Amino acid sequence: MATTVSFAVDSPAGRRTAEVAYERTGSGAPLVLLHGIGHHRQAWDPVLRILAAERDVIALDLPGFGASPALPQGLSHDLRTMVPLLGSLFDAIGVERPHVAGNSLGGLLALELGREKLVRSVTAFSPAGFRTRSERRYAFGVLRAMRGAALSMPMPLIEGLSRSSPGRTVLTSTIYARPGRRSPDAVVSETVALREATGFRQTLEAGLTVAFTDDVPDLPVSIAWGDKDRLLLRRQGGRAKHVVPGARLVRLPGCGHVPMNDDPAAVARVILDTSR
């Protein structure tokens, strides 16, 4: 069950109040989980039980996604806003320098939080920010197509497709290497989340010029990439390792762009090893 927290954020237009929905479970050192663009906190459901056995796990809906409303007027969905906003969120929920794991957009945010020393360790799965110009055009085209399809499909069609493995492949094969493993309810829920993401356009526009170009020194960092990633191609992992030379680069065999569902045990192991 999600909890919503309201907290103050400073902006050029003055102080604003942001709201973020999150789910918290488990015990131990705090670990914050960040999803990708168009997704929601339930992307992490396949690994929550494993992580919660050793960590105080906080899975967020980023602003404008899932159950979190878009940012108020005066705040933009870019890194300059989102990184300090997440720092303010940590204060609001009573965690100091948590471990953080993120996927895609969430992976980029996790690396930025590490660079700002707002977290204790960083685990980034297929993080954004390491693509070439042509790879960016490809990825953004795919994301826009996914969003357009989610917006155009009526609910009876989404629900009908979700009931079969081929149908789930149609809906989710761009992000999962093993879409048949995703439950029908989860596929419907994430398709609706993509359709109703109020922060999608602003976040995608903010990503047009984003590139991660700085090291993350003095922190444990792991960067993991599925070898079946069809959105951010796995060769980007080599670039990430070049930019963050101290990072551990982990290959995830048989995993797609959102690997938590494809191999929960491997994903949880990478996170727990890094956060130890």
C-alpha atoms as a PDB file:
ATOM      1  CA  MET A   1       0.000   0.000   0.000  1.00  0.00           C
ATOM      2  CA  ALA A   2       1.421   3.352  -1.052  1.00  0.00           C
ATOM      3  CA  THR A   3       2.050   6.261   1.296  1.00  0.00           C
ATOM      4  CA  THR A   4       2.162   9.830  -0.012  1.00  0.00           C
ATOM      5  CA  VAL A   5       4.502  12.421   1.464  1.00  0.00           C
ATOM      6  CA  SER A   6       4.414  16.181   0.819  1.00  0.00           C
ATOM      7  CA  PHE A   7       7.589  18.225   1.197  1.00  0.00           C
ATOM      8  CA  ALA A   8       8.970  21.639   0.308  1.00  0.00           C
ATOM      9  CA  VAL A   9      11.236  22.175  -2.694  1.00  0.00           C
ATOM     10  CA  ASP A  10      12.980  25.432  -3.578  1.00  0.00           C
ATOM     11  CA  SER A  11      12.781  26.635  -7.185  1.00  0.00           C
ATOM     12  CA  PRO A  12      13.568  29.804  -9.158  1.00  0.00           C
ATOM     13  CA  ALA A  13       9.875  30.619  -8.844  1.00  0.00           C
ATOM     14  CA  GLY A  14       9.966  30.233  -5.066  1.00  0.00           C
ATOM     15  CA  ARG A  15       9.209  27.430  -2.660  1.00  0.00           C
ATOM     16  CA  ARG A  16       6.852  24.746  -3.961  1.00  0.00           C
ATOM     17  CA  THR A  17       5.279  21.649  -2.400  1.00  0.00           C
ATOM     18  CA  ALA A  18       5.906  18.337  -4.150  1.00  0.00           C
ATOM     19  CA  GLU A  19       4.176  15.014  -3.486  1.00  0.00           C
ATOM     20  CA  VAL A  20       5.661  11.563  -3.943  1.00  0.00           C
ATOM     21  CA  ALA A  21       4.023   8.173  -3.405  1.00  0.00           C
ATOM     22  CA  TYR A  22       6.153   5.348  -2.061  1.00  0.00           C
ATOM     23  CA  GLU A  23       5.952   1.877  -0.592  1.00  0.00           C
ATOM     24  CA  ARG A  24       8.202   0.878   2.307  1.00  0.00           C
ATOM     25  CA  THR A  25       8.932  -2.616   3.553  1.00  0.00           C
ATOM     26  CA  GLY A  26      11.636  -4.662   5.273  1.00  0.00           C
ATOM     27  CA  SER A  27      14.326  -3.731   7.776  1.00  0.00           C
ATOM     28  CA  GLY A  28      18.006  -2.876   7.750  1.00  0.00           C
ATOM     29  CA  ALA A  29      19.944  -0.149   5.979  1.00  0.00           C
ATOM     30  CA  PRO A  30      17.657   2.037   3.842  1.00  0.00           C
ATOM     31  CA  LEU A  31      17.551   1.302   0.107  1.00  0.00           C
ATOM     32  CA  VAL A  32      15.666   3.542  -2.340  1.00  0.00           C
ATOM     33  CA  LEU A  33      14.453   2.108  -5.659  1.00  0.00           C
ATOM     34  CA  LEU A  34      13.892   4.346  -8.716  1.00  0.00           C
ATOM     35  CA  HIS A  35      12.014   3.218 -11.844  1.00  0.00           C
ATOM     36  CA  GLY A  36      12.348   4.323 -15.466  1.00  0.00           C
ATOM     37  CA  ILE A  37      10.343   6.725 -17.627  1.00  0.00           C
ATOM     38  CA  GLY A  38       6.733   5.681 -18.133  1.00  0.00           C
ATOM     39  CA  HIS A  39       6.938   2.992 -15.454  1.00  0.00           C
ATOM     40  CA  HIS A  40       6.008   2.945 -11.764  1.00  0.00           C
ATOM     41  CA  ARG A  41       7.312   1.591  -8.472  1.00  0.00           C
ATOM     42  CA  GLN A  42       5.714  -1.834  -9.147  1.00  0.00           C
ATOM     43  CA  ALA A  43       8.512  -2.478 -11.640  1.00  0.00           C
ATOM     44  CA  TRP A  44      10.497  -3.547  -8.561  1.00  0.00           C
ATOM     45  CA  ASP A  45       7.856  -5.948  -7.194  1.00  0.00           C
ATOM     46  CA  PRO A  46       9.692  -9.106  -8.364  1.00  0.00           C
ATOM     47  CA  VAL A  47      12.694  -8.286  -6.142  1.00  0.00           C
ATOM     48  CA  LEU A  48      11.033  -6.603  -3.150  1.00  0.00           C
ATOM     49  CA  ARG A  49      10.720  -9.720  -1.003  1.00  0.00           C
ATOM     50  CA  ILE A  50      14.367 -10.665  -1.514  1.00  0.00           C
ATOM     51  CA  LEU A  51      15.647  -7.156  -0.794  1.00  0.00           C
ATOM     52  CA  ALA A  52      13.355  -6.606   2.196  1.00  0.00           C
ATOM     53  CA  ALA A  53      14.951  -9.539   4.007  1.00  0.00           C
ATOM     54  CA  GLU A  54      18.117  -7.412   4.405  1.00  0.00           C
ATOM     55  CA  ARG A  55      17.126  -3.795   3.672  1.00  0.00           C
ATOM     56  CA  ASP A  56      14.585  -1.131   4.602  1.00  0.00           C
ATOM     57  CA  VAL A  57      13.271  -0.866   1.038  1.00  0.00           C
ATOM     58  CA  ILE A  58      11.593   2.314  -0.243  1.00  0.00           C
ATOM     59  CA  ALA A  59      10.184   2.013  -3.779  1.00  0.00           C
ATOM     60  CA  LEU A  60       9.154   5.397  -5.211  1.00  0.00           C
ATOM     61  CA  ASP A  61       6.791   6.608  -7.876  1.00  0.00           C
ATOM     62  CA  LEU A  62       8.799   9.438  -9.420  1.00  0.00           C
ATOM     63  CA  PRO A  63       6.881  12.720  -9.859  1.00  0.00           C
ATOM     64  CA  GLY A  64       4.467  12.448 -12.772  1.00  0.00           C
ATOM     65  CA  PHE A  65       4.466   8.645 -12.771  1.00  0.00           C
ATOM     66  CA  GLY A  66       2.435   5.988 -10.990  1.00  0.00           C
ATOM     67  CA  ALA A  67       0.564   7.425  -8.020  1.00  0.00           C
ATOM     68  CA  SER A  68       2.752  10.555  -7.785  1.00  0.00           C
ATOM     69  CA  PRO A  69       1.344  13.758  -9.305  1.00  0.00           C
ATOM     70  CA  ALA A  70       3.374  15.831 -11.729  1.00  0.00           C
ATOM     71  CA  LEU A  71       5.610  18.510 -10.294  1.00  0.00           C
ATOM     72  CA  PRO A  72       3.905  21.802  -9.430  1.00  0.00           C
ATOM     73  CA  GLN A  73       4.283  24.844 -11.648  1.00  0.00           C
ATOM     74  CA  GLY A  74       7.767  26.289 -11.392  1.00  0.00           C
ATOM     75  CA  LEU A  75       9.500  22.906 -11.119  1.00  0.00           C
ATOM     76  CA  SER A  76      10.801  21.049 -14.165  1.00  0.00           C
ATOM     77  CA  HIS A  77      11.369  17.334 -14.673  1.00  0.00           C
ATOM     78  CA  ASP A  78      15.102  17.720 -15.303  1.00  0.00           C
ATOM     79  CA  LEU A  79      18.189  16.610 -13.387  1.00  0.00           C
ATOM     80  CA  ARG A  80      18.804  20.043 -11.869  1.00  0.00           C
ATOM     81  CA  THR A  81      15.414  19.785 -10.193  1.00  0.00           C
ATOM     82  CA  MET A  82      15.039  16.066  -9.615  1.00  0.00           C
ATOM     83  CA  VAL A  83      18.332  15.380  -7.804  1.00  0.00           C
ATOM     84  CA  PRO A  84      17.869  17.994  -5.033  1.00  0.00           C
ATOM     85  CA  LEU A  85      14.163  17.099  -4.922  1.00  0.00           C
ATOM     86  CA  LEU A  86      15.070  13.497  -4.121  1.00  0.00           C
ATOM     87  CA  GLY A  87      17.486  14.749  -1.469  1.00  0.00           C
ATOM     88  CA  SER A  88      14.614  16.715   0.097  1.00  0.00           C
ATOM     89  CA  LEU A  89      12.432  13.613  -0.116  1.00  0.00           C
ATOM     90  CA  PHE A  90      15.027  11.583   1.789  1.00  0.00           C
ATOM     91  CA  ASP A  91      14.883  14.174   4.573  1.00  0.00           C
ATOM     92  CA  ALA A  92      11.073  14.125   4.551  1.00  0.00           C
ATOM     93  CA  ILE A  93      10.865  10.355   5.045  1.00  0.00           C
ATOM     94  CA  GLY A  94      13.686  10.255   7.574  1.00  0.00           C
ATOM     95  CA  VAL A  95      16.501   8.514   5.694  1.00  0.00           C
ATOM     96  CA  GLU A  96      20.037   9.868   5.567  1.00  0.00           C
ATOM     97  CA  ARG A  97      22.223   8.903   2.629  1.00  0.00           C
ATOM     98  CA  PRO A  98      20.390   5.703   1.687  1.00  0.00           C
ATOM     99  CA  HIS A  99      21.660   3.139  -0.753  1.00  0.00           C
ATOM    100  CA  VAL A 100      19.988   3.637  -4.130  1.00  0.00           C
ATOM    101  CA  ALA A 101      19.210   1.422  -7.105  1.00  0.00           C
ATOM    102  CA  GLY A 102      17.662   2.671 -10.311  1.00  0.00           C
ATOM    103  CA  ASN A 103      16.638   1.445 -13.740  1.00  0.00           C
ATOM    104  CA  SER A 104      16.940   3.479 -16.954  1.00  0.00           C
ATOM    105  CA  LEU A 105      15.947   7.051 -15.995  1.00  0.00           C
ATOM    106  CA  GLY A 106      16.138   5.860 -12.391  1.00  0.00           C
ATOM    107  CA  GLY A 107      19.674   4.593 -13.023  1.00  0.00           C
ATOM    108  CA  LEU A 108      20.754   8.001 -14.295  1.00  0.00           C
ATOM    109  CA  LEU A 109      19.176   9.652 -11.237  1.00  0.00           C
ATOM    110  CA  ALA A 110      20.958   7.142  -8.996  1.00  0.00           C
ATOM    111  CA  LEU A 111      24.331   8.018 -10.545  1.00  0.00           C
ATOM    112  CA  GLU A 112      23.640  11.747 -10.160  1.00  0.00           C
ATOM    113  CA  LEU A 113      22.682  11.206  -6.518  1.00  0.00           C
ATOM    114  CA  GLY A 114      25.970   9.371  -6.062  1.00  0.00           C
ATOM    115  CA  ARG A 115      27.944  12.156  -7.703  1.00  0.00           C
ATOM    116  CA  GLU A 116      26.317  14.629  -5.290  1.00  0.00           C
ATOM    117  CA  LYS A 117      27.160  12.327  -2.344  1.00  0.00           C
ATOM    118  CA  LEU A 118      23.491  12.099  -1.332  1.00  0.00           C
ATOM    119  CA  VAL A 119      23.633   8.270  -1.147  1.00  0.00           C
ATOM    120  CA  ARG A 120      25.918   5.541   0.228  1.00  0.00           C
ATOM    121  CA  SER A 121      26.068   3.302  -2.842  1.00  0.00           C
ATOM    122  CA  VAL A 122      24.704   3.230  -6.385  1.00  0.00           C
ATOM    123  CA  THR A 123      23.377   0.327  -8.436  1.00  0.00           C
ATOM    124  CA  ALA A 124      22.277   1.375 -11.922  1.00  0.00           C
ATOM    125  CA  PHE A 125      20.506  -0.984 -14.324  1.00  0.00           C
ATOM    126  CA  SER A 126      20.734   0.143 -17.970  1.00  0.00           C
ATOM    127  CA  PRO A 127      21.089   3.772 -16.922  1.00  0.00           C
ATOM    128  CA  ALA A 128      20.250   6.548 -19.363  1.00  0.00           C
ATOM    129  CA  GLY A 129      22.917   9.071 -20.278  1.00  0.00           C
ATOM    130  CA  PHE A 130      25.443   6.957 -22.223  1.00  0.00           C
ATOM    131  CA  ARG A 131      23.865   6.765 -25.699  1.00  0.00           C
ATOM    132  CA  THR A 132      25.094   8.282 -28.935  1.00  0.00           C
ATOM    133  CA  ARG A 133      22.945  10.755 -30.861  1.00  0.00           C
ATOM    134  CA  SER A 134      21.626   8.033 -33.161  1.00  0.00           C
ATOM    135  CA  GLU A 135      20.957   5.700 -30.224  1.00  0.00           C
ATOM    136  CA  ARG A 136      19.064   8.508 -28.501  1.00  0.00           C
ATOM    137  CA  ARG A 137      16.890   9.062 -31.565  1.00  0.00           C
ATOM    138  CA  TYR A 138      16.150   5.347 -31.696  1.00  0.00           C
ATOM    139  CA  ALA A 139      15.336   5.059 -27.973  1.00  0.00           C
ATOM    140  CA  PHE A 140      13.172   8.168 -27.939  1.00  0.00           C
ATOM    141  CA  GLY A 141      11.320   6.942 -31.025  1.00  0.00           C
ATOM    142  CA  VAL A 142      10.614   3.616 -29.335  1.00  0.00           C
ATOM    143  CA  LEU A 143       9.442   5.336 -26.142  1.00  0.00           C
ATOM    144  CA  ARG A 144       7.102   7.634 -28.070  1.00  0.00           C
ATOM    145  CA  ALA A 145       5.714   4.660 -29.979  1.00  0.00           C
ATOM    146  CA  MET A 146       5.110   2.751 -26.745  1.00  0.00           C
ATOM    147  CA  ARG A 147       3.336   5.749 -25.244  1.00  0.00           C
ATOM    148  CA  GLY A 148       1.242   6.235 -28.385  1.00  0.00           C
ATOM    149  CA  ALA A 149       0.209   2.578 -28.407  1.00  0.00           C
ATOM    150  CA  ALA A 150      -0.752   2.694 -24.724  1.00  0.00           C
ATOM    151  CA  LEU A 151      -2.834   5.820 -25.326  1.00  0.00           C
ATOM    152  CA  SER A 152      -4.612   4.383 -28.357  1.00  0.00           C
ATOM    153  CA  MET A 153      -5.549   0.948 -27.031  1.00  0.00           C
ATOM    154  CA  PRO A 154      -8.919   0.579 -25.283  1.00  0.00           C
ATOM    155  CA  MET A 155      -8.909  -1.175 -21.921  1.00  0.00           C
ATOM    156  CA  PRO A 156     -10.718  -4.315 -23.195  1.00  0.00           C
ATOM    157  CA  LEU A 157      -7.925  -4.825 -25.741  1.00  0.00           C
ATOM    158  CA  ILE A 158      -5.177  -4.317 -23.130  1.00  0.00           C
ATOM    159  CA  GLU A 159      -6.887  -6.747 -20.762  1.00  0.00           C
ATOM    160  CA  GLY A 160      -7.436  -9.296 -23.529  1.00  0.00           C
ATOM    161  CA  LEU A 161      -3.824  -9.191 -24.678  1.00  0.00           C
ATOM    162  CA  SER A 162      -2.564  -9.534 -21.108  1.00  0.00           C
ATOM    163  CA  ARG A 163      -4.254 -12.927 -20.689  1.00  0.00           C
ATOM    164  CA  SER A 164      -1.927 -14.770 -23.058  1.00  0.00           C
ATOM    165  CA  SER A 165       1.818 -15.058 -23.336  1.00  0.00           C
ATOM    166  CA  PRO A 166       1.820 -13.842 -26.980  1.00  0.00           C
ATOM    167  CA  GLY A 167      -0.350 -10.900 -25.956  1.00  0.00           C
ATOM    168  CA  ARG A 168       1.978  -9.959 -23.112  1.00  0.00           C
ATOM    169  CA  THR A 169       4.820 -10.155 -25.619  1.00  0.00           C
ATOM    170  CA  VAL A 170       3.023  -7.624 -27.825  1.00  0.00           C
ATOM    171  CA  LEU A 171       2.581  -5.255 -24.882  1.00  0.00           C
ATOM    172  CA  THR A 172       5.931  -5.542 -23.116  1.00  0.00           C
ATOM    173  CA  SER A 173       8.630  -7.238 -25.234  1.00  0.00           C
ATOM    174  CA  THR A 174      10.402  -3.903 -25.732  1.00  0.00           C
ATOM    175  CA  ILE A 175      11.398  -3.807 -22.074  1.00  0.00           C
ATOM    176  CA  TYR A 176      11.336  -7.477 -21.007  1.00  0.00           C
ATOM    177  CA  ALA A 177      13.330 -10.326 -22.526  1.00  0.00           C
ATOM    178  CA  ARG A 178      10.882 -12.800 -20.972  1.00  0.00           C
ATOM    179  CA  PRO A 179       7.496 -11.023 -21.159  1.00  0.00           C
ATOM    180  CA  GLY A 180       5.578 -14.241 -20.688  1.00  0.00           C
ATOM    181  CA  ARG A 181       6.772 -14.296 -17.063  1.00  0.00           C
ATOM    182  CA  ARG A 182       4.968 -11.029 -16.280  1.00  0.00           C
ATOM    183  CA  SER A 183       1.552 -11.556 -14.725  1.00  0.00           C
ATOM    184  CA  PRO A 184      -1.564 -10.366 -16.600  1.00  0.00           C
ATOM    185  CA  ASP A 185      -2.439  -7.926 -13.806  1.00  0.00           C
ATOM    186  CA  ALA A 186       1.062  -6.452 -13.816  1.00  0.00           C
ATOM    187  CA  VAL A 187       1.026  -5.977 -17.599  1.00  0.00           C
ATOM    188  CA  VAL A 188      -2.335  -4.194 -17.471  1.00  0.00           C
ATOM    189  CA  SER A 189      -1.160  -2.029 -14.571  1.00  0.00           C
ATOM    190  CA  GLU A 190       2.071  -0.928 -16.235  1.00  0.00           C
ATOM    191  CA  THR A 191       0.381  -0.268 -19.576  1.00  0.00           C
ATOM    192  CA  VAL A 192      -2.113   1.979 -17.790  1.00  0.00           C
ATOM    193  CA  ALA A 193       0.772   3.627 -15.904  1.00  0.00           C
ATOM    194  CA  LEU A 194       2.458   4.453 -19.213  1.00  0.00           C
ATOM    195  CA  ARG A 195      -0.782   5.850 -20.608  1.00  0.00           C
ATOM    196  CA  GLU A 196      -1.521   7.989 -17.547  1.00  0.00           C
ATOM    197  CA  ALA A 197       2.036   9.238 -16.879  1.00  0.00           C
ATOM    198  CA  THR A 198       1.522  12.987 -16.518  1.00  0.00           C
ATOM    199  CA  GLY A 199       5.280  13.596 -16.426  1.00  0.00           C
ATOM    200  CA  PHE A 200       6.138  11.614 -19.562  1.00  0.00           C
ATOM    201  CA  ARG A 201       6.406  14.426 -22.113  1.00  0.00           C
ATOM    202  CA  GLN A 202       8.312  16.822 -19.843  1.00  0.00           C
ATOM    203  CA  THR A 203      10.711  14.096 -18.705  1.00  0.00           C
ATOM    204  CA  LEU A 204      11.390  12.925 -22.243  1.00  0.00           C
ATOM    205  CA  GLU A 205      12.016  16.496 -23.408  1.00  0.00           C
ATOM    206  CA  ALA A 206      14.410  17.060 -20.496  1.00  0.00           C
ATOM    207  CA  GLY A 207      16.372  13.998 -21.607  1.00  0.00           C
ATOM    208  CA  LEU A 208      17.107  15.316 -25.099  1.00  0.00           C
ATOM    209  CA  THR A 209      20.424  16.839 -24.055  1.00  0.00           C
ATOM    210  CA  VAL A 210      21.284  14.675 -21.039  1.00  0.00           C
ATOM    211  CA  ALA A 211      24.630  12.898 -20.917  1.00  0.00           C
ATOM    212  CA  PHE A 212      26.401  11.546 -17.836  1.00  0.00           C
ATOM    213  CA  THR A 213      30.011  12.680 -18.151  1.00  0.00           C
ATOM    214  CA  ASP A 214      31.399  12.731 -14.573  1.00  0.00           C
ATOM    215  CA  ASP A 215      32.912  10.075 -12.366  1.00  0.00           C
ATOM    216  CA  VAL A 216      31.290   8.927  -9.104  1.00  0.00           C
ATOM    217  CA  PRO A 217      34.350   8.677  -6.852  1.00  0.00           C
ATOM    218  CA  ASP A 218      34.582   7.277  -3.332  1.00  0.00           C
ATOM    219  CA  LEU A 219      31.339   5.279  -3.506  1.00  0.00           C
ATOM    220  CA  PRO A 220      30.549   1.641  -4.319  1.00  0.00           C
ATOM    221  CA  VAL A 221      28.985   1.714  -7.810  1.00  0.00           C
ATOM    222  CA  SER A 222      27.672  -1.140  -9.927  1.00  0.00           C
ATOM    223  CA  ILE A 223      26.351  -0.689 -13.466  1.00  0.00           C
ATOM    224  CA  ALA A 224      24.427  -3.686 -14.784  1.00  0.00           C
ATOM    225  CA  TRP A 225      23.163  -4.291 -18.315  1.00  0.00           C
ATOM    226  CA  GLY A 226      20.922  -6.980 -19.734  1.00  0.00           C
ATOM    227  CA  ASP A 227      22.349  -8.607 -22.852  1.00  0.00           C
ATOM    228  CA  LYS A 228      18.833  -8.583 -24.387  1.00  0.00           C
ATOM    229  CA  ASP A 229      18.219  -4.874 -23.797  1.00  0.00           C
ATOM    230  CA  ARG A 230      16.327  -3.632 -26.867  1.00  0.00           C
ATOM    231  CA  LEU A 231      15.949  -0.025 -25.731  1.00  0.00           C
ATOM    232  CA  LEU A 232      19.371   1.066 -24.443  1.00  0.00           C
ATOM    233  CA  LEU A 233      21.759  -1.278 -26.220  1.00  0.00           C
ATOM    234  CA  ARG A 234      24.246  -3.195 -24.094  1.00  0.00           C
ATOM    235  CA  ARG A 235      27.303  -1.584 -25.722  1.00  0.00           C
ATOM    236  CA  GLN A 236      26.406   1.525 -23.719  1.00  0.00           C
ATOM    237  CA  GLY A 237      27.617  -0.330 -20.651  1.00  0.00           C
ATOM    238  CA  GLY A 238      31.190  -0.076 -21.935  1.00  0.00           C
ATOM    239  CA  ARG A 239      30.816   3.684 -22.260  1.00  0.00           C
ATOM    240  CA  ALA A 240      29.423   3.859 -18.738  1.00  0.00           C
ATOM    241  CA  LYS A 241      32.443   1.963 -17.414  1.00  0.00           C
ATOM    242  CA  HIS A 242      34.746   4.416 -19.217  1.00  0.00           C
ATOM    243  CA  VAL A 243      33.003   7.408 -17.601  1.00  0.00           C
ATOM    244  CA  VAL A 244      32.803   5.762 -14.152  1.00  0.00           C
ATOM    245  CA  PRO A 245      36.024   3.710 -14.129  1.00  0.00           C
ATOM    246  CA  GLY A 246      35.657   2.598 -10.535  1.00  0.00           C
ATOM    247  CA  ALA A 247      32.271   1.017 -11.193  1.00  0.00           C
ATOM    248  CA  ARG A 248      31.740  -2.720 -11.348  1.00  0.00           C
ATOM    249  CA  LEU A 249      30.209  -3.557 -14.752  1.00  0.00           C
ATOM    250  CA  VAL A 250      27.852  -6.538 -14.558  1.00  0.00           C
ATOM    251  CA  ARG A 251      26.320  -8.356 -17.513  1.00  0.00           C
ATOM    252  CA  LEU A 252      22.867  -9.862 -16.978  1.00  0.00           C
ATOM    253  CA  PRO A 253      22.423 -12.816 -19.356  1.00  0.00           C
ATOM    254  CA  GLY A 254      18.918 -13.247 -20.730  1.00  0.00           C
ATOM    255  CA  CYS A 255      17.675  -9.930 -19.347  1.00  0.00           C
ATOM    256  CA  GLY A 256      16.022  -7.028 -21.111  1.00  0.00           C
ATOM    257  CA  HIS A 257      15.862  -3.322 -20.354  1.00  0.00           C
ATOM    258  CA  VAL A 258      13.848  -3.849 -17.160  1.00  0.00           C
ATOM    259  CA  PRO A 259      15.664  -6.875 -15.725  1.00  0.00           C
ATOM    260  CA  MET A 260      13.882  -7.160 -12.390  1.00  0.00           C
ATOM    261  CA  ASN A 261      11.207  -9.414 -13.874  1.00  0.00           C
ATOM    262  CA  ASP A 262      13.536 -11.357 -16.173  1.00  0.00           C
ATOM    263  CA  ASP A 263      15.909 -12.501 -13.402  1.00  0.00           C
ATOM    264  CA  PRO A 264      14.885 -11.281  -9.921  1.00  0.00           C
ATOM    265  CA  ALA A 265      17.581 -13.272  -8.117  1.00  0.00           C
ATOM    266  CA  ALA A 266      20.421 -11.831 -10.228  1.00  0.00           C
ATOM    267  CA  VAL A 267      19.118  -8.277  -9.881  1.00  0.00           C
ATOM    268  CA  ALA A 268      18.722  -8.572  -6.111  1.00  0.00           C
ATOM    269  CA  ARG A 269      22.203 -10.074  -5.802  1.00  0.00           C
ATOM    270  CA  VAL A 270      23.789  -7.143  -7.642  1.00  0.00           C
ATOM    271  CA  ILE A 271      21.973  -4.623  -5.423  1.00  0.00           C
ATOM    272  CA  LEU A 272      22.768  -6.395  -2.162  1.00  0.00           C
ATOM    273  CA  ASP A 273      26.420  -6.989  -3.073  1.00  0.00           C
ATOM    274  CA  THR A 274      26.866  -3.316  -3.971  1.00  0.00           C
ATOM    275  CA  SER A 275      25.098  -2.039  -0.858  1.00  0.00           C
ATOM    276  CA  ARG A 276      27.236  -4.204   1.430  1.00  0.00           C
END
